[in-house]
Amino acid sequence: PAMSSALVLTVYILTFTVGFPANVFTLAVLAAKSRRRPATPEPCLTTLTTADLLLLNLTASDLLLLLFLP
């Protein structure tokens, strides 16, 4: 049982240390992209595409999962 607990803790720590910075970076890139002004003068509320919005949702859900790991 002690070996099993140590293995689970190691996997959680590795998952958090790799996943958290990567997701924060992705969130920062998408936030910067949404603040960028479009090249065309037409009024546009956001410059995020559908794929960007889906990636934003995936990043947010992944961050929530990482923050609340059991």
N, C-alpha and C. Protein backbone atom coordinates (compact mmCIF):
# COMPACT_ATOMS: atom_id res chain seq x y z
N PRO A 1 0.80 -1.21 0.00
CA PRO A 1 0.00 0.00 0.00
C PRO A 1 0.84 1.27 0.00
N ALA A 2 1.99 1.27 0.70
CA ALA A 2 2.83 2.47 0.75
C ALA A 2 3.43 2.77 -0.62
N MET A 3 3.82 1.73 -1.33
CA MET A 3 4.39 1.90 -2.68
C MET A 3 3.33 2.45 -3.63
N SER A 4 2.12 1.97 -3.48
CA SER A 4 1.02 2.43 -4.32
C SER A 4 0.72 3.91 -4.07
N SER A 5 0.71 4.33 -2.82
CA SER A 5 0.46 5.73 -2.49
C SER A 5 1.57 6.63 -3.02
N ALA A 6 2.81 6.17 -2.92
CA ALA A 6 3.93 6.95 -3.42
C ALA A 6 3.87 7.08 -4.94
N LEU A 7 3.45 6.02 -5.61
CA LEU A 7 3.34 6.06 -7.07
C LEU A 7 2.23 7.03 -7.50
N VAL A 8 1.09 6.98 -6.83
CA VAL A 8 -0.01 7.88 -7.16
C VAL A 8 0.40 9.33 -6.92
N LEU A 9 1.07 9.59 -5.80
CA LEU A 9 1.52 10.95 -5.50
C LEU A 9 2.53 11.43 -6.55
N THR A 10 3.43 10.57 -6.96
CA THR A 10 4.41 10.92 -7.99
C THR A 10 3.73 11.27 -9.31
N VAL A 11 2.74 10.48 -9.69
CA VAL A 11 2.02 10.74 -10.95
C VAL A 11 1.26 12.05 -10.85
N TYR A 12 0.61 12.33 -9.71
CA TYR A 12 -0.10 13.59 -9.53
C TYR A 12 0.84 14.79 -9.60
N ILE A 13 1.97 14.68 -8.95
CA ILE A 13 2.94 15.79 -8.97
C ILE A 13 3.47 16.02 -10.37
N LEU A 14 3.79 14.95 -11.07
CA LEU A 14 4.29 15.07 -12.45
C LEU A 14 3.22 15.67 -13.36
N THR A 15 1.98 15.22 -13.20
CA THR A 15 0.89 15.75 -14.01
C THR A 15 0.69 17.24 -13.76
N PHE A 16 0.74 17.64 -12.51
CA PHE A 16 0.54 19.05 -12.17
C PHE A 16 1.69 19.91 -12.67
N THR A 17 2.93 19.47 -12.47
CA THR A 17 4.08 20.30 -12.85
C THR A 17 4.22 20.44 -14.36
N VAL A 18 3.73 19.48 -15.11
CA VAL A 18 3.77 19.61 -16.57
C VAL A 18 2.52 20.32 -17.10
N GLY A 19 1.37 19.95 -16.57
CA GLY A 19 0.11 20.46 -17.10
C GLY A 19 -0.21 21.88 -16.74
N PHE A 20 0.09 22.29 -15.52
CA PHE A 20 -0.28 23.64 -15.09
C PHE A 20 0.42 24.73 -15.89
N PRO A 21 1.76 24.71 -16.01
CA PRO A 21 2.41 25.77 -16.82
C PRO A 21 1.98 25.75 -18.29
N ALA A 22 1.78 24.57 -18.84
CA ALA A 22 1.38 24.49 -20.25
C ALA A 22 -0.01 25.09 -20.46
N ASN A 23 -0.92 24.81 -19.55
CA ASN A 23 -2.28 25.36 -19.68
C ASN A 23 -2.33 26.84 -19.39
N VAL A 24 -1.54 27.32 -18.45
CA VAL A 24 -1.49 28.76 -18.19
C VAL A 24 -0.91 29.49 -19.41
N PHE A 25 0.10 28.91 -20.02
CA PHE A 25 0.69 29.50 -21.23
C PHE A 25 -0.35 29.55 -22.36
N THR A 26 -1.07 28.46 -22.55
CA THR A 26 -2.11 28.43 -23.58
C THR A 26 -3.19 29.46 -23.30
N LEU A 27 -3.59 29.59 -22.05
CA LEU A 27 -4.59 30.58 -21.67
C LEU A 27 -4.08 32.00 -21.94
N ALA A 28 -2.81 32.26 -21.64
CA ALA A 28 -2.23 33.59 -21.88
C ALA A 28 -2.17 33.89 -23.38
N VAL A 29 -1.81 32.91 -24.17
CA VAL A 29 -1.74 33.12 -25.62
C VAL A 29 -3.13 33.41 -26.19
N LEU A 30 -4.13 32.66 -25.75
CA LEU A 30 -5.49 32.90 -26.24
C LEU A 30 -6.03 34.24 -25.76
N ALA A 31 -5.69 34.64 -24.55
CA ALA A 31 -6.12 35.95 -24.05
C ALA A 31 -5.46 37.07 -24.86
N ALA A 32 -4.18 36.93 -25.18
CA ALA A 32 -3.50 37.93 -25.98
C ALA A 32 -4.07 37.98 -27.40
N LYS A 33 -4.42 36.82 -27.92
CA LYS A 33 -4.99 36.79 -29.27
C LYS A 33 -6.37 37.44 -29.31
N SER A 34 -7.13 37.28 -28.23
CA SER A 34 -8.47 37.88 -28.22
C SER A 34 -8.41 39.40 -28.06
N ARG A 35 -7.34 39.91 -27.45
CA ARG A 35 -7.20 41.36 -27.27
C ARG A 35 -6.63 42.06 -28.51
N ARG A 36 -6.04 41.28 -29.40
CA ARG A 36 -5.44 41.86 -30.60
C ARG A 36 -6.52 42.45 -31.50
N ARG A 37 -6.24 43.63 -32.04
CA ARG A 37 -7.22 44.28 -32.91
C ARG A 37 -7.20 43.64 -34.29
N PRO A 38 -8.37 43.46 -34.88
CA PRO A 38 -8.41 42.89 -36.23
C PRO A 38 -7.86 43.87 -37.26
N ALA A 39 -7.34 43.34 -38.35
CA ALA A 39 -6.76 44.17 -39.40
C ALA A 39 -7.84 44.92 -40.18
N THR A 40 -9.04 44.37 -40.23
CA THR A 40 -10.12 45.02 -40.96
C THR A 40 -10.85 46.00 -40.04
N PRO A 41 -11.36 47.09 -40.58
CA PRO A 41 -12.03 48.08 -39.74
C PRO A 41 -13.46 47.71 -39.34
N GLU A 42 -13.96 46.56 -39.79
CA GLU A 42 -15.33 46.19 -39.44
C GLU A 42 -15.44 45.91 -37.94
N PRO A 43 -16.53 46.28 -37.33
CA PRO A 43 -16.67 46.09 -35.87
C PRO A 43 -16.77 44.60 -35.54
N CYS A 44 -15.88 44.15 -34.71
CA CYS A 44 -15.83 42.75 -34.33
C CYS A 44 -15.54 42.69 -32.83
N LEU A 45 -16.36 41.98 -32.10
CA LEU A 45 -16.17 41.94 -30.65
C LEU A 45 -14.98 41.08 -30.24
N THR A 46 -14.70 40.07 -31.01
CA THR A 46 -13.59 39.19 -30.66
C THR A 46 -12.90 38.69 -31.91
N THR A 47 -11.64 38.33 -31.78
CA THR A 47 -10.90 37.79 -32.92
C THR A 47 -10.69 36.30 -32.77
N LEU A 48 -11.37 35.68 -31.81
CA LEU A 48 -11.22 34.24 -31.62
C LEU A 48 -12.07 33.48 -32.63
N THR A 49 -11.48 32.47 -33.23
CA THR A 49 -12.22 31.60 -34.13
C THR A 49 -12.94 30.54 -33.30
N THR A 50 -13.71 29.73 -33.97
CA THR A 50 -14.41 28.64 -33.28
C THR A 50 -13.41 27.67 -32.66
N ALA A 51 -12.34 27.38 -33.38
CA ALA A 51 -11.32 26.47 -32.84
C ALA A 51 -10.65 27.08 -31.61
N ASP A 52 -10.41 28.38 -31.65
CA ASP A 52 -9.81 29.05 -30.49
C ASP A 52 -10.73 28.99 -29.27
N LEU A 53 -12.01 29.17 -29.51
CA LEU A 53 -12.98 29.11 -28.41
C LEU A 53 -13.05 27.71 -27.82
N LEU A 54 -13.02 26.71 -28.66
CA LEU A 54 -13.01 25.33 -28.17
C LEU A 54 -11.74 25.04 -27.38
N LEU A 55 -10.61 25.54 -27.86
CA LEU A 55 -9.35 25.36 -27.15
C LEU A 55 -9.36 26.10 -25.82
N LEU A 56 -9.99 27.26 -25.78
CA LEU A 56 -10.12 28.00 -24.53
C LEU A 56 -10.95 27.22 -23.51
N ASN A 57 -12.04 26.63 -23.95
CA ASN A 57 -12.86 25.81 -23.07
C ASN A 57 -12.10 24.58 -22.59
N LEU A 58 -11.36 23.95 -23.45
CA LEU A 58 -10.56 22.78 -23.08
C LEU A 58 -9.49 23.15 -22.07
N THR A 59 -8.85 24.28 -22.29
CA THR A 59 -7.81 24.75 -21.37
C THR A 59 -8.38 25.06 -20.00
N ALA A 60 -9.53 25.73 -19.97
CA ALA A 60 -10.16 26.06 -18.69
C ALA A 60 -10.57 24.80 -17.93
N SER A 61 -11.14 23.83 -18.62
CA SER A 61 -11.54 22.60 -17.94
C SER A 61 -10.33 21.80 -17.48
N ASP A 62 -9.26 21.82 -18.26
CA ASP A 62 -8.04 21.11 -17.86
C ASP A 62 -7.41 21.77 -16.64
N LEU A 63 -7.41 23.09 -16.59
CA LEU A 63 -6.88 23.78 -15.41
C LEU A 63 -7.71 23.46 -14.17
N LEU A 64 -9.02 23.43 -14.29
CA LEU A 64 -9.86 23.08 -13.16
C LEU A 64 -9.59 21.65 -12.69
N LEU A 65 -9.40 20.74 -13.63
CA LEU A 65 -9.07 19.37 -13.27
C LEU A 65 -7.74 19.30 -12.54
N LEU A 66 -6.74 20.03 -13.03
CA LEU A 66 -5.42 20.03 -12.39
C LEU A 66 -5.47 20.63 -10.99
N LEU A 67 -6.27 21.67 -10.81
CA LEU A 67 -6.33 22.33 -9.50
C LEU A 67 -7.07 21.50 -8.46
N PHE A 68 -7.97 20.64 -8.91
CA PHE A 68 -8.77 19.86 -7.97
C PHE A 68 -8.51 18.37 -8.11
N LEU A 69 -7.26 18.00 -8.39
CA LEU A 69 -6.91 16.58 -8.42
C LEU A 69 -7.16 15.97 -7.04
N PRO A 70 -7.65 14.73 -7.01
CA PRO A 70 -7.92 14.11 -5.70
C PRO A 70 -6.67 13.92 -4.86
